[in-house]
Amino acid sequence: MLRNWGWVFLGNLGGALTVAVMMAIVFTYGFSADPNEVGVRLGEIGHSRTVGYAEHGGAGMLTLFIRAVLCNWMVSTGVVAAMMSTSVSGKVIAMWMPIMLFFYMGFEHSIVNMFLFPPA
């Protein structure tokens, strides 16, 4: 199981880095210009998501861990709710609501963060 988790982690990281390179190419016109406003903002978001916790030391790591646990709870709730629903629209809403809540509440998700860190 740990081997499979490792492969999944590496696959997600590879995908995130690939998307980050493609986004960098788009926002810098093939690395020939400075990034536009969107590229600069993405870099600021990624930077704040990493350095913000480091500034608080152990308390920042505890906060990060608790946010990750709560995020996993929300994602798992979406999966279970979608499995319980019998209609397609019910499945979509059941998956969508908890995912949007974890974004809104600022929880941490390892795969989402893999996509935010490279722009920083």
PDB file of N, CA and C in Angstrom:
ATOM      1  N   MET A   1       0.816  -1.177   0.000  1.00  0.00           N
ATOM      2  CA  MET A   1       0.000   0.000   0.000  1.00  0.00           C
ATOM      3  C   MET A   1       0.874   1.260   0.000  1.00  0.00           C
ATOM      4  N   LEU A   2       1.945   1.269   0.795  1.00  0.00           N
ATOM      5  CA  LEU A   2       2.817   2.441   0.829  1.00  0.00           C
ATOM      6  C   LEU A   2       3.489   2.668  -0.517  1.00  0.00           C
ATOM      7  N   ARG A   3       3.828   1.580  -1.202  1.00  0.00           N
ATOM      8  CA  ARG A   3       4.427   1.718  -2.529  1.00  0.00           C
ATOM      9  C   ARG A   3       3.446   2.387  -3.484  1.00  0.00           C
ATOM     10  N   ASN A   4       2.185   1.966  -3.435  1.00  0.00           N
ATOM     11  CA  ASN A   4       1.174   2.581  -4.298  1.00  0.00           C
ATOM     12  C   ASN A   4       0.968   4.051  -3.949  1.00  0.00           C
ATOM     13  N   TRP A   5       0.945   4.375  -2.662  1.00  0.00           N
ATOM     14  CA  TRP A   5       0.831   5.781  -2.259  1.00  0.00           C
ATOM     15  C   TRP A   5       2.004   6.592  -2.816  1.00  0.00           C
ATOM     16  N   GLY A   6       3.179   5.996  -2.759  1.00  0.00           N
ATOM     17  CA  GLY A   6       4.359   6.678  -3.302  1.00  0.00           C
ATOM     18  C   GLY A   6       4.218   6.958  -4.786  1.00  0.00           C
ATOM     19  N   TRP A   7       3.729   5.960  -5.528  1.00  0.00           N
ATOM     20  CA  TRP A   7       3.526   6.162  -6.970  1.00  0.00           C
ATOM     21  C   TRP A   7       2.468   7.224  -7.244  1.00  0.00           C
ATOM     22  N   VAL A   8       1.398   7.202  -6.475  1.00  0.00           N
ATOM     23  CA  VAL A   8       0.343   8.212  -6.643  1.00  0.00           C
ATOM     24  C   VAL A   8       0.894   9.601  -6.328  1.00  0.00           C
ATOM     25  N   PHE A   9       1.657   9.710  -5.250  1.00  0.00           N
ATOM     26  CA  PHE A   9       2.252  10.997  -4.884  1.00  0.00           C
ATOM     27  C   PHE A   9       3.167  11.503  -5.991  1.00  0.00           C
ATOM     28  N   LEU A  10       4.034  10.631  -6.500  1.00  0.00           N
ATOM     29  CA  LEU A  10       4.948  11.037  -7.570  1.00  0.00           C
ATOM     30  C   LEU A  10       4.198  11.412  -8.844  1.00  0.00           C
ATOM     31  N   GLY A  11       3.141  10.670  -9.160  1.00  0.00           N
ATOM     32  CA  GLY A  11       2.340  11.000 -10.338  1.00  0.00           C
ATOM     33  C   GLY A  11       1.659  12.347 -10.201  1.00  0.00           C
ATOM     34  N   ASN A  12       1.093  12.615  -9.035  1.00  0.00           N
ATOM     35  CA  ASN A  12       0.459  13.919  -8.800  1.00  0.00           C
ATOM     36  C   ASN A  12       1.484  15.048  -8.824  1.00  0.00           C
ATOM     37  N   LEU A  13       2.651  14.815  -8.240  1.00  0.00           N
ATOM     38  CA  LEU A  13       3.696  15.834  -8.244  1.00  0.00           C
ATOM     39  C   LEU A  13       4.178  16.096  -9.666  1.00  0.00           C
ATOM     40  N   GLY A  14       4.371  15.029 -10.441  1.00  0.00           N
ATOM     41  CA  GLY A  14       4.778  15.205 -11.840  1.00  0.00           C
ATOM     42  C   GLY A  14       3.748  15.980 -12.637  1.00  0.00           C
ATOM     43  N   GLY A  15       2.477  15.665 -12.432  1.00  0.00           N
ATOM     44  CA  GLY A  15       1.412  16.404 -13.115  1.00  0.00           C
ATOM     45  C   GLY A  15       1.377  17.858 -12.700  1.00  0.00           C
ATOM     46  N   ALA A  16       1.564  18.116 -11.412  1.00  0.00           N
ATOM     47  CA  ALA A  16       1.552  19.497 -10.919  1.00  0.00           C
ATOM     48  C   ALA A  16       2.714  20.292 -11.500  1.00  0.00           C
ATOM     49  N   LEU A  17       3.893  19.679 -11.551  1.00  0.00           N
ATOM     50  CA  LEU A  17       5.047  20.378 -12.116  1.00  0.00           C
ATOM     51  C   LEU A  17       4.873  20.620 -13.609  1.00  0.00           C
ATOM     52  N   THR A  18       4.279  19.659 -14.310  1.00  0.00           N
ATOM     53  CA  THR A  18       4.015  19.838 -15.740  1.00  0.00           C
ATOM     54  C   THR A  18       3.064  21.003 -15.976  1.00  0.00           C
ATOM     55  N   VAL A  19       1.997  21.064 -15.205  1.00  0.00           N
ATOM     56  CA  VAL A  19       1.049  22.178 -15.330  1.00  0.00           C
ATOM     57  C   VAL A  19       1.732  23.494 -14.969  1.00  0.00           C
ATOM     58  N   ALA A  20       2.588  23.493 -13.948  1.00  0.00           N
ATOM     59  CA  ALA A  20       3.284  24.721 -13.554  1.00  0.00           C
ATOM     60  C   ALA A  20       4.183  25.224 -14.676  1.00  0.00           C
ATOM     61  N   VAL A  21       4.888  24.317 -15.345  1.00  0.00           N
ATOM     62  CA  VAL A  21       5.744  24.724 -16.466  1.00  0.00           C
ATOM     63  C   VAL A  21       4.896  25.267 -17.608  1.00  0.00           C
ATOM     64  N   MET A  22       3.788  24.594 -17.918  1.00  0.00           N
ATOM     65  CA  MET A  22       2.918  25.086 -18.990  1.00  0.00           C
ATOM     66  C   MET A  22       2.339  26.455 -18.638  1.00  0.00           C
ATOM     67  N   MET A  23       1.948  26.642 -17.375  1.00  0.00           N
ATOM     68  CA  MET A  23       1.420  27.943 -16.961  1.00  0.00           C
ATOM     69  C   MET A  23       2.503  29.012 -17.049  1.00  0.00           C
ATOM     70  N   ALA A  24       3.726  28.665 -16.674  1.00  0.00           N
ATOM     71  CA  ALA A  24       4.825  29.628 -16.762  1.00  0.00           C
ATOM     72  C   ALA A  24       5.071  30.030 -18.211  1.00  0.00           C
ATOM     73  N   ILE A  25       4.982  29.074 -19.122  1.00  0.00           N
ATOM     74  CA  ILE A  25       5.159  29.386 -20.543  1.00  0.00           C
ATOM     75  C   ILE A  25       4.065  30.332 -21.018  1.00  0.00           C
ATOM     76  N   VAL A  26       2.826  30.059 -20.616  1.00  0.00           N
ATOM     77  CA  VAL A  26       1.703  30.904 -21.037  1.00  0.00           C
ATOM     78  C   VAL A  26       1.829  32.310 -20.460  1.00  0.00           C
ATOM     79  N   PHE A  27       2.128  32.421 -19.163  1.00  0.00           N
ATOM     80  CA  PHE A  27       2.148  33.729 -18.506  1.00  0.00           C
ATOM     81  C   PHE A  27       3.382  34.554 -18.846  1.00  0.00           C
ATOM     82  N   THR A  28       4.436  33.935 -19.392  1.00  0.00           N
ATOM     83  CA  THR A  28       5.655  34.675 -19.729  1.00  0.00           C
ATOM     84  C   THR A  28       5.945  34.660 -21.222  1.00  0.00           C
ATOM     85  N   TYR A  29       4.969  34.249 -22.014  1.00  0.00           N
ATOM     86  CA  TYR A  29       5.146  34.171 -23.469  1.00  0.00           C
ATOM     87  C   TYR A  29       6.414  33.390 -23.822  1.00  0.00           C
ATOM     88  N   GLY A  30       6.496  32.179 -23.298  1.00  0.00           N
ATOM     89  CA  GLY A  30       7.630  31.304 -23.578  1.00  0.00           C
ATOM     90  C   GLY A  30       8.906  31.747 -22.900  1.00  0.00           C
ATOM     91  N   PHE A  31       8.807  32.283 -21.714  1.00  0.00           N
ATOM     92  CA  PHE A  31       9.931  32.769 -20.903  1.00  0.00           C
ATOM     93  C   PHE A  31      10.643  33.957 -21.548  1.00  0.00           C
ATOM     94  N   SER A  32       9.944  34.698 -22.413  1.00  0.00           N
ATOM     95  CA  SER A  32      10.558  35.852 -23.068  1.00  0.00           C
ATOM     96  C   SER A  32      10.145  37.180 -22.435  1.00  0.00           C
ATOM     97  N   ALA A  33       9.239  37.156 -21.471  1.00  0.00           N
ATOM     98  CA  ALA A  33       8.774  38.387 -20.824  1.00  0.00           C
ATOM     99  C   ALA A  33       8.489  38.109 -19.353  1.00  0.00           C
ATOM    100  N   ASP A  34       8.345  39.176 -18.596  1.00  0.00           N
ATOM    101  CA  ASP A  34       7.956  39.028 -17.191  1.00  0.00           C
ATOM    102  C   ASP A  34       6.523  38.506 -17.121  1.00  0.00           C
ATOM    103  N   PRO A  35       6.172  37.791 -16.050  1.00  0.00           N
ATOM    104  CA  PRO A  35       4.801  37.277 -15.942  1.00  0.00           C
ATOM    105  C   PRO A  35       3.779  38.414 -15.873  1.00  0.00           C
ATOM    106  N   ASN A  36       2.593  38.138 -16.404  1.00  0.00           N
ATOM    107  CA  ASN A  36       1.524  39.137 -16.346  1.00  0.00           C
ATOM    108  C   ASN A  36       0.918  39.160 -14.946  1.00  0.00           C
ATOM    109  N   GLU A  37      -0.171  39.917 -14.779  1.00  0.00           N
ATOM    110  CA  GLU A  37      -0.769  40.087 -13.451  1.00  0.00           C
ATOM    111  C   GLU A  37      -1.230  38.763 -12.845  1.00  0.00           C
ATOM    112  N   VAL A  38      -1.789  37.894 -13.684  1.00  0.00           N
ATOM    113  CA  VAL A  38      -2.276  36.605 -13.183  1.00  0.00           C
ATOM    114  C   VAL A  38      -1.109  35.749 -12.700  1.00  0.00           C
ATOM    115  N   GLY A  39      -0.033  35.710 -13.467  1.00  0.00           N
ATOM    116  CA  GLY A  39       1.138  34.940 -13.068  1.00  0.00           C
ATOM    117  C   GLY A  39       1.755  35.450 -11.783  1.00  0.00           C
ATOM    118  N   VAL A  40       1.820  36.767 -11.646  1.00  0.00           N
ATOM    119  CA  VAL A  40       2.359  37.358 -10.414  1.00  0.00           C
ATOM    120  C   VAL A  40       1.477  37.000  -9.224  1.00  0.00           C
ATOM    121  N   ARG A  41       0.168  37.075  -9.404  1.00  0.00           N
ATOM    122  CA  ARG A  41      -0.769  36.757  -8.308  1.00  0.00           C
ATOM    123  C   ARG A  41      -0.662  35.287  -7.906  1.00  0.00           C
ATOM    124  N   LEU A  42      -0.535  34.381  -8.887  1.00  0.00           N
ATOM    125  CA  LEU A  42      -0.369  32.958  -8.560  1.00  0.00           C
ATOM    126  C   LEU A  42       0.905  32.730  -7.753  1.00  0.00           C
ATOM    127  N   GLY A  43       1.972  33.427  -8.115  1.00  0.00           N
ATOM    128  CA  GLY A  43       3.210  33.322  -7.354  1.00  0.00           C
ATOM    129  C   GLY A  43       3.050  33.808  -5.926  1.00  0.00           C
ATOM    130  N   GLU A  44       2.305  34.908  -5.755  1.00  0.00           N
ATOM    131  CA  GLU A  44       2.059  35.435  -4.411  1.00  0.00           C
ATOM    132  C   GLU A  44       1.242  34.457  -3.571  1.00  0.00           C
ATOM    133  N   ILE A  45       0.240  33.833  -4.184  1.00  0.00           N
ATOM    134  CA  ILE A  45      -0.586  32.864  -3.455  1.00  0.00           C
ATOM    135  C   ILE A  45       0.256  31.674  -3.018  1.00  0.00           C
ATOM    136  N   GLY A  46       1.041  31.121  -3.934  1.00  0.00           N
ATOM    137  CA  GLY A  46       1.896  29.989  -3.589  1.00  0.00           C
ATOM    138  C   GLY A  46       2.897  30.337  -2.504  1.00  0.00           C
ATOM    139  N   HIS A  47       3.471  31.522  -2.585  1.00  0.00           N
ATOM    140  CA  HIS A  47       4.444  31.961  -1.581  1.00  0.00           C
ATOM    141  C   HIS A  47       3.792  32.113  -0.211  1.00  0.00           C
ATOM    142  N   SER A  48       2.607  32.715  -0.168  1.00  0.00           N
ATOM    143  CA  SER A  48       1.945  32.902   1.130  1.00  0.00           C
ATOM    144  C   SER A  48       1.513  31.576   1.741  1.00  0.00           C
ATOM    145  N   ARG A  49       1.169  30.591   0.907  1.00  0.00           N
ATOM    146  CA  ARG A  49       0.742  29.289   1.427  1.00  0.00           C
ATOM    147  C   ARG A  49       1.913  28.506   2.015  1.00  0.00           C
ATOM    148  N   THR A  50       3.134  28.802   1.608  1.00  0.00           N
ATOM    149  CA  THR A  50       4.284  28.071   2.131  1.00  0.00           C
ATOM    150  C   THR A  50       4.957  28.820   3.273  1.00  0.00           C
ATOM    151  N   VAL A  51       5.307  30.060   3.055  1.00  0.00           N
ATOM    152  CA  VAL A  51       6.052  30.831   4.048  1.00  0.00           C
ATOM    153  C   VAL A  51       5.174  31.218   5.235  1.00  0.00           C
ATOM    154  N   GLY A  52       3.890  31.375   5.012  1.00  0.00           N
ATOM    155  CA  GLY A  52       2.984  31.758   6.093  1.00  0.00           C
ATOM    156  C   GLY A  52       3.019  30.796   7.262  1.00  0.00           C
ATOM    157  N   TYR A  53       3.095  29.511   6.995  1.00  0.00           N
ATOM    158  CA  TYR A  53       3.149  28.521   8.072  1.00  0.00           C
ATOM    159  C   TYR A  53       4.543  28.436   8.677  1.00  0.00           C
ATOM    160  N   ALA A  54       5.567  28.610   7.880  1.00  0.00           N
ATOM    161  CA  ALA A  54       6.937  28.509   8.380  1.00  0.00           C
ATOM    162  C   ALA A  54       7.239  29.607   9.391  1.00  0.00           C
ATOM    163  N   GLU A  55       6.621  30.756   9.227  1.00  0.00           N
ATOM    164  CA  GLU A  55       6.866  31.867  10.150  1.00  0.00           C
ATOM    165  C   GLU A  55       6.376  31.569  11.567  1.00  0.00           C
ATOM    166  N   HIS A  56       5.436  30.642  11.717  1.00  0.00           N
ATOM    167  CA  HIS A  56       4.863  30.332  13.029  1.00  0.00           C
ATOM    168  C   HIS A  56       5.492  29.101  13.677  1.00  0.00           C
ATOM    169  N   GLY A  57       6.431  28.472  13.022  1.00  0.00           N
ATOM    170  CA  GLY A  57       7.133  27.332  13.599  1.00  0.00           C
ATOM    171  C   GLY A  57       6.224  26.142  13.864  1.00  0.00           C
ATOM    172  N   GLY A  58       6.317  25.569  15.074  1.00  0.00           N
ATOM    173  CA  GLY A  58       5.532  24.391  15.437  1.00  0.00           C
ATOM    174  C   GLY A  58       4.034  24.640  15.415  1.00  0.00           C
ATOM    175  N   ALA A  59       3.620  25.830  15.824  1.00  0.00           N
ATOM    176  CA  ALA A  59       2.191  26.159  15.795  1.00  0.00           C
ATOM    177  C   ALA A  59       1.678  26.193  14.356  1.00  0.00           C
ATOM    178  N   GLY A  60       2.514  26.653  13.441  1.00  0.00           N
ATOM    179  CA  GLY A  60       2.132  26.652  12.031  1.00  0.00           C
ATOM    180  C   GLY A  60       1.985  25.238  11.492  1.00  0.00           C
ATOM    181  N   MET A  61       2.896  24.344  11.910  1.00  0.00           N
ATOM    182  CA  MET A  61       2.807  22.948  11.468  1.00  0.00           C
ATOM    183  C   MET A  61       1.563  22.274  12.039  1.00  0.00           C
ATOM    184  N   LEU A  62       1.234  22.566  13.290  1.00  0.00           N
ATOM    185  CA  LEU A  62       0.022  22.011  13.890  1.00  0.00           C
ATOM    186  C   LEU A  62      -1.216  22.515  13.148  1.00  0.00           C
ATOM    187  N   THR A  63      -1.250  23.801  12.847  1.00  0.00           N
ATOM    188  CA  THR A  63      -2.371  24.370  12.096  1.00  0.00           C
ATOM    189  C   THR A  63      -2.486  23.718  10.730  1.00  0.00           C
ATOM    190  N   LEU A  64      -1.362  23.546  10.063  1.00  0.00           N
ATOM    191  CA  LEU A  64      -1.347  22.905   8.748  1.00  0.00           C
ATOM    192  C   LEU A  64      -1.884  21.482   8.828  1.00  0.00           C
ATOM    193  N   PHE A  65      -1.454  20.740   9.844  1.00  0.00           N
ATOM    194  CA  PHE A  65      -1.903  19.357  10.004  1.00  0.00           C
ATOM    195  C   PHE A  65      -3.407  19.287  10.259  1.00  0.00           C
ATOM    196  N   ILE A  66      -3.910  20.130  11.145  1.00  0.00           N
ATOM    197  CA  ILE A  66      -5.350  20.125  11.454  1.00  0.00           C
ATOM    198  C   ILE A  66      -6.158  20.531  10.227  1.00  0.00           C
ATOM    199  N   ARG A  67      -5.692  21.511   9.480  1.00  0.00           N
ATOM    200  CA  ARG A  67      -6.397  21.902   8.253  1.00  0.00           C
ATOM    201  C   ARG A  67      -6.412  20.760   7.240  1.00  0.00           C
ATOM    202  N   ALA A  68      -5.323  19.999   7.172  1.00  0.00           N
ATOM    203  CA  ALA A  68      -5.273  18.861   6.254  1.00  0.00           C
ATOM    204  C   ALA A  68      -6.246  17.765   6.688  1.00  0.00           C
ATOM    205  N   VAL A  69      -6.328  17.506   7.988  1.00  0.00           N
ATOM    206  CA  VAL A  69      -7.269  16.499   8.495  1.00  0.00           C
ATOM    207  C   VAL A  69      -8.701  16.914   8.181  1.00  0.00           C
ATOM    208  N   LEU A  70      -9.029  18.172   8.435  1.00  0.00           N
ATOM    209  CA  LEU A  70     -10.382  18.657   8.153  1.00  0.00           C
ATOM    210  C   LEU A  70     -10.691  18.616   6.657  1.00  0.00           C
ATOM    211  N   CYS A  71      -9.698  18.908   5.836  1.00  0.00           N
ATOM    212  CA  CYS A  71      -9.895  18.835   4.390  1.00  0.00           C
ATOM    213  C   CYS A  71     -10.187  17.404   3.961  1.00  0.00           C
ATOM    214  N   ASN A  72      -9.427  16.454   4.484  1.00  0.00           N
ATOM    215  CA  ASN A  72      -9.657  15.058   4.136  1.00  0.00           C
ATOM    216  C   ASN A  72     -11.042  14.618   4.577  1.00  0.00           C
ATOM    217  N   TRP A  73     -11.489  15.111   5.710  1.00  0.00           N
ATOM    218  CA  TRP A  73     -12.835  14.796   6.179  1.00  0.00           C
ATOM    219  C   TRP A  73     -13.869  15.307   5.182  1.00  0.00           C
ATOM    220  N   MET A  74     -13.684  16.529   4.688  1.00  0.00           N
ATOM    221  CA  MET A  74     -14.635  17.098   3.729  1.00  0.00           C
ATOM    222  C   MET A  74     -14.626  16.315   2.413  1.00  0.00           C
ATOM    223  N   VAL A  75     -13.445  15.960   1.922  1.00  0.00           N
ATOM    224  CA  VAL A  75     -13.354  15.198   0.673  1.00  0.00           C
ATOM    225  C   VAL A  75     -14.005  13.829   0.851  1.00  0.00           C
ATOM    226  N   SER A  76     -13.733  13.173   1.962  1.00  0.00           N
ATOM    227  CA  SER A  76     -14.339  11.862   2.218  1.00  0.00           C
ATOM    228  C   SER A  76     -15.851  11.963   2.346  1.00  0.00           C
ATOM    229  N   THR A  77     -16.331  13.039   2.951  1.00  0.00           N
ATOM    230  CA  THR A  77     -17.775  13.261   3.042  1.00  0.00           C
ATOM    231  C   THR A  77     -18.384  13.368   1.653  1.00  0.00           C
ATOM    232  N   GLY A  78     -17.709  14.065   0.753  1.00  0.00           N
ATOM    233  CA  GLY A  78     -18.196  14.182  -0.619  1.00  0.00           C
ATOM    234  C   GLY A  78     -18.262  12.844  -1.326  1.00  0.00           C
ATOM    235  N   VAL A  79     -17.254  12.006  -1.129  1.00  0.00           N
ATOM    236  CA  VAL A  79     -17.238  10.684  -1.762  1.00  0.00           C
ATOM    237  C   VAL A  79     -18.372   9.821  -1.228  1.00  0.00           C
ATOM    238  N   VAL A  80     -18.526   9.771   0.079  1.00  0.00           N
ATOM    239  CA  VAL A  80     -19.578   8.945   0.680  1.00  0.00           C
ATOM    240  C   VAL A  80     -20.960   9.460   0.282  1.00  0.00           C
ATOM    241  N   ALA A  81     -21.151  10.767   0.308  1.00  0.00           N
ATOM    242  CA  ALA A  81     -22.451  11.332  -0.068  1.00  0.00           C
ATOM    243  C   ALA A  81     -22.775  11.032  -1.526  1.00  0.00           C
ATOM    244  N   ALA A  82     -21.777  11.087  -2.399  1.00  0.00           N
ATOM    245  CA  ALA A  82     -22.012  10.766  -3.810  1.00  0.00           C
ATOM    246  C   ALA A  82     -22.367   9.294  -3.985  1.00  0.00           C
ATOM    247  N   MET A  83     -21.748   8.427  -3.204  1.00  0.00           N
ATOM    248  CA  MET A  83     -22.074   7.003  -3.285  1.00  0.00           C
ATOM    249  C   MET A  83     -23.494   6.737  -2.798  1.00  0.00           C
ATOM    250  N   MET A  84     -23.973   7.527  -1.862  1.00  0.00           N
ATOM    251  CA  MET A  84     -25.313   7.322  -1.310  1.00  0.00           C
ATOM    252  C   MET A  84     -26.406   7.849  -2.233  1.00  0.00           C
ATOM    253  N   SER A  85     -26.080   8.810  -3.069  1.00  0.00           N
ATOM    254  CA  SER A  85     -27.089   9.407  -3.939  1.00  0.00           C
ATOM    255  C   SER A  85     -27.441   8.449  -5.074  1.00  0.00           C
ATOM    256  N   THR A  86     -28.682   8.518  -5.530  1.00  0.00           N
ATOM    257  CA  THR A  86     -29.124   7.629  -6.611  1.00  0.00           C
ATOM    258  C   THR A  86     -29.248   8.343  -7.949  1.00  0.00           C
ATOM    259  N   SER A  87     -29.246   9.671  -7.951  1.00  0.00           N
ATOM    260  CA  SER A  87     -29.372  10.404  -9.213  1.00  0.00           C
ATOM    261  C   SER A  87     -28.038  11.052  -9.578  1.00  0.00           C
ATOM    262  N   VAL A  88     -27.865  11.324 -10.857  1.00  0.00           N
ATOM    263  CA  VAL A  88     -26.623  11.944 -11.316  1.00  0.00           C
ATOM    264  C   VAL A  88     -26.485  13.353 -10.737  1.00  0.00           C
ATOM    265  N   SER A  89     -27.561  14.117 -10.773  1.00  0.00           N
ATOM    266  CA  SER A  89     -27.484  15.477 -10.231  1.00  0.00           C
ATOM    267  C   SER A  89     -27.199  15.451  -8.729  1.00  0.00           C
ATOM    268  N   GLY A  90     -27.771  14.502  -8.024  1.00  0.00           N
ATOM    269  CA  GLY A  90     -27.498  14.365  -6.597  1.00  0.00           C
ATOM    270  C   GLY A  90     -26.044  14.021  -6.334  1.00  0.00           C
ATOM    271  N   LYS A  91     -25.461  13.157  -7.171  1.00  0.00           N
ATOM    272  CA  LYS A  91     -24.052  12.798  -7.019  1.00  0.00           C
ATOM    273  C   LYS A  91     -23.152  14.008  -7.240  1.00  0.00           C
ATOM    274  N   VAL A  92     -23.463  14.797  -8.265  1.00  0.00           N
ATOM    275  CA  VAL A  92     -22.651  15.977  -8.560  1.00  0.00           C
ATOM    276  C   VAL A  92     -22.726  16.980  -7.410  1.00  0.00           C
ATOM    277  N   ILE A  93     -23.919  17.247  -6.936  1.00  0.00           N
ATOM    278  CA  ILE A  93     -24.082  18.199  -5.830  1.00  0.00           C
ATOM    279  C   ILE A  93     -23.430  17.664  -4.559  1.00  0.00           C
ATOM    280  N   ALA A  94     -23.580  16.371  -4.309  1.00  0.00           N
ATOM    281  CA  ALA A  94     -22.997  15.769  -3.104  1.00  0.00           C
ATOM    282  C   ALA A  94     -21.473  15.840  -3.126  1.00  0.00           C
ATOM    283  N   MET A  95     -20.866  15.739  -4.301  1.00  0.00           N
ATOM    284  CA  MET A  95     -19.409  15.864  -4.397  1.00  0.00           C
ATOM    285  C   MET A  95     -18.982  17.324  -4.353  1.00  0.00           C
ATOM    286  N   TRP A  96     -19.744  18.180  -5.011  1.00  0.00           N
ATOM    287  CA  TRP A  96     -19.366  19.572  -5.181  1.00  0.00           C
ATOM    288  C   TRP A  96     -19.396  20.353  -3.872  1.00  0.00           C
ATOM    289  N   MET A  97     -20.429  20.165  -3.084  1.00  0.00           N
ATOM    290  CA  MET A  97     -20.596  20.971  -1.871  1.00  0.00           C
ATOM    291  C   MET A  97     -19.431  20.838  -0.876  1.00  0.00           C
ATOM    292  N   PRO A  98     -19.027  19.636  -0.463  1.00  0.00           N
ATOM    293  CA  PRO A  98     -17.910  19.554   0.495  1.00  0.00           C
ATOM    294  C   PRO A  98     -16.589  20.063  -0.083  1.00  0.00           C
ATOM    295  N   ILE A  99     -16.369  19.855  -1.385  1.00  0.00           N
ATOM    296  CA  ILE A  99     -15.127  20.327  -1.996  1.00  0.00           C
ATOM    297  C   ILE A  99     -15.090  21.856  -1.986  1.00  0.00           C
ATOM    298  N   MET A 100     -16.190  22.485  -2.350  1.00  0.00           N
ATOM    299  CA  MET A 100     -16.239  23.950  -2.321  1.00  0.00           C
ATOM    300  C   MET A 100     -16.102  24.476  -0.894  1.00  0.00           C
ATOM    301  N   LEU A 101     -16.640  23.746   0.070  1.00  0.00           N
ATOM    302  CA  LEU A 101     -16.503  24.163   1.466  1.00  0.00           C
ATOM    303  C   LEU A 101     -15.045  24.136   1.913  1.00  0.00           C
ATOM    304  N   PHE A 102     -14.302  23.098   1.531  1.00  0.00           N
ATOM    305  CA  PHE A 102     -12.910  23.063   1.986  1.00  0.00           C
ATOM    306  C   PHE A 102     -12.086  24.154   1.313  1.00  0.00           C
ATOM    307  N   PHE A 103     -12.409  24.510   0.081  1.00  0.00           N
ATOM    308  CA  PHE A 103     -11.727  25.658  -0.530  1.00  0.00           C
ATOM    309  C   PHE A 103     -12.086  26.942   0.204  1.00  0.00           C
ATOM    310  N   TYR A 104     -13.366  27.127   0.470  1.00  0.00           N
ATOM    311  CA  TYR A 104     -13.841  28.349   1.119  1.00  0.00           C
ATOM    312  C   TYR A 104     -13.269  28.499   2.526  1.00  0.00           C
ATOM    313  N   MET A 105     -13.167  27.393   3.256  1.00  0.00           N
ATOM    314  CA  MET A 105     -12.679  27.440   4.632  1.00  0.00           C
ATOM    315  C   MET A 105     -11.158  27.513   4.718  1.00  0.00           C
ATOM    316  N   GLY A 106     -10.469  27.388   3.600  1.00  0.00           N
ATOM    317  CA  GLY A 106      -9.014  27.514   3.596  1.00  0.00           C
ATOM    318  C   GLY A 106      -8.284  26.291   4.098  1.00  0.00           C
ATOM    319  N   PHE A 107      -8.895  25.109   3.988  1.00  0.00           N
ATOM    320  CA  PHE A 107      -8.228  23.893   4.421  1.00  0.00           C
ATOM    321  C   PHE A 107      -7.103  23.544   3.446  1.00  0.00           C
ATOM    322  N   GLU A 108      -6.220  22.658   3.865  1.00  0.00           N
ATOM    323  CA  GLU A 108      -5.055  22.282   3.069  1.00  0.00           C
ATOM    324  C   GLU A 108      -5.246  20.899   2.465  1.00  0.00           C
ATOM    325  N   HIS A 109      -4.952  20.778   1.190  1.00  0.00           N
ATOM    326  CA  HIS A 109      -5.029  19.497   0.496  1.00  0.00           C
ATOM    327  C   HIS A 109      -3.706  19.293  -0.226  1.00  0.00           C
ATOM    328  N   SER A 110      -3.068  18.156  -0.006  1.00  0.00           N
ATOM    329  CA  SER A 110      -1.717  17.953  -0.526  1.00  0.00           C
ATOM    330  C   SER A 110      -1.647  18.089  -2.042  1.00  0.00           C
ATOM    331  N   ILE A 111      -2.623  17.572  -2.759  1.00  0.00           N
ATOM    332  CA  ILE A 111      -2.575  17.631  -4.219  1.00  0.00           C
ATOM    333  C   ILE A 111      -2.827  19.057  -4.701  1.00  0.00           C
ATOM    334  N   VAL A 112      -3.759  19.750  -4.093  1.00  0.00           N
ATOM    335  CA  VAL A 112      -3.994  21.155  -4.452  1.00  0.00           C
ATOM    336  C   VAL A 112      -2.731  21.967  -4.187  1.00  0.00           C
ATOM    337  N   ASN A 113      -2.075  21.722  -3.067  1.00  0.00           N
ATOM    338  CA  ASN A 113      -0.861  22.461  -2.737  1.00  0.00           C
ATOM    339  C   ASN A 113       0.270  22.153  -3.702  1.00  0.00           C
ATOM    340  N   MET A 114       0.313  20.945  -4.247  1.00  0.00           N
ATOM    341  CA  MET A 114       1.331  20.642  -5.245  1.00  0.00           C
ATOM    342  C   MET A 114       1.189  21.557  -6.458  1.00  0.00           C
ATOM    343  N   PHE A 115      -0.027  21.968  -6.752  1.00  0.00           N
ATOM    344  CA  PHE A 115      -0.251  22.864  -7.877  1.00  0.00           C
ATOM    345  C   PHE A 115       0.003  24.319  -7.495  1.00  0.00           C
ATOM    346  N   LEU A 116      -0.072  24.661  -6.213  1.00  0.00           N
ATOM    347  CA  LEU A 116       0.169  26.040  -5.779  1.00  0.00           C
ATOM    348  C   LEU A 116       1.643  26.319  -5.509  1.00  0.00           C
ATOM    349  N   PHE A 117       2.413  25.328  -5.074  1.00  0.00           N
ATOM    350  CA  PHE A 117       3.794  25.577  -4.696  1.00  0.00           C
ATOM    351  C   PHE A 117       4.698  25.935  -5.874  1.00  0.00           C
ATOM    352  N   PRO A 118       4.631  25.257  -7.027  1.00  0.00           N
ATOM    353  CA  PRO A 118       5.560  25.596  -8.112  1.00  0.00           C
ATOM    354  C   PRO A 118       5.496  27.053  -8.580  1.00  0.00           C
ATOM    355  N   PRO A 119       4.317  27.689  -8.665  1.00  0.00           N
ATOM    356  CA  PRO A 119       4.343  29.096  -9.083  1.00  0.00           C
ATOM    357  C   PRO A 119       5.074  30.003  -8.098  1.00  0.00           C
ATOM    358  N   ALA A 120       5.149  29.587  -6.839  1.00  0.00           N
ATOM    359  CA  ALA A 120       5.822  30.419  -5.841  1.00  0.00           C
ATOM    360  C   ALA A 120       7.307  30.451  -6.116  1.00  0.00           C
TER     361      ALA A 120
END
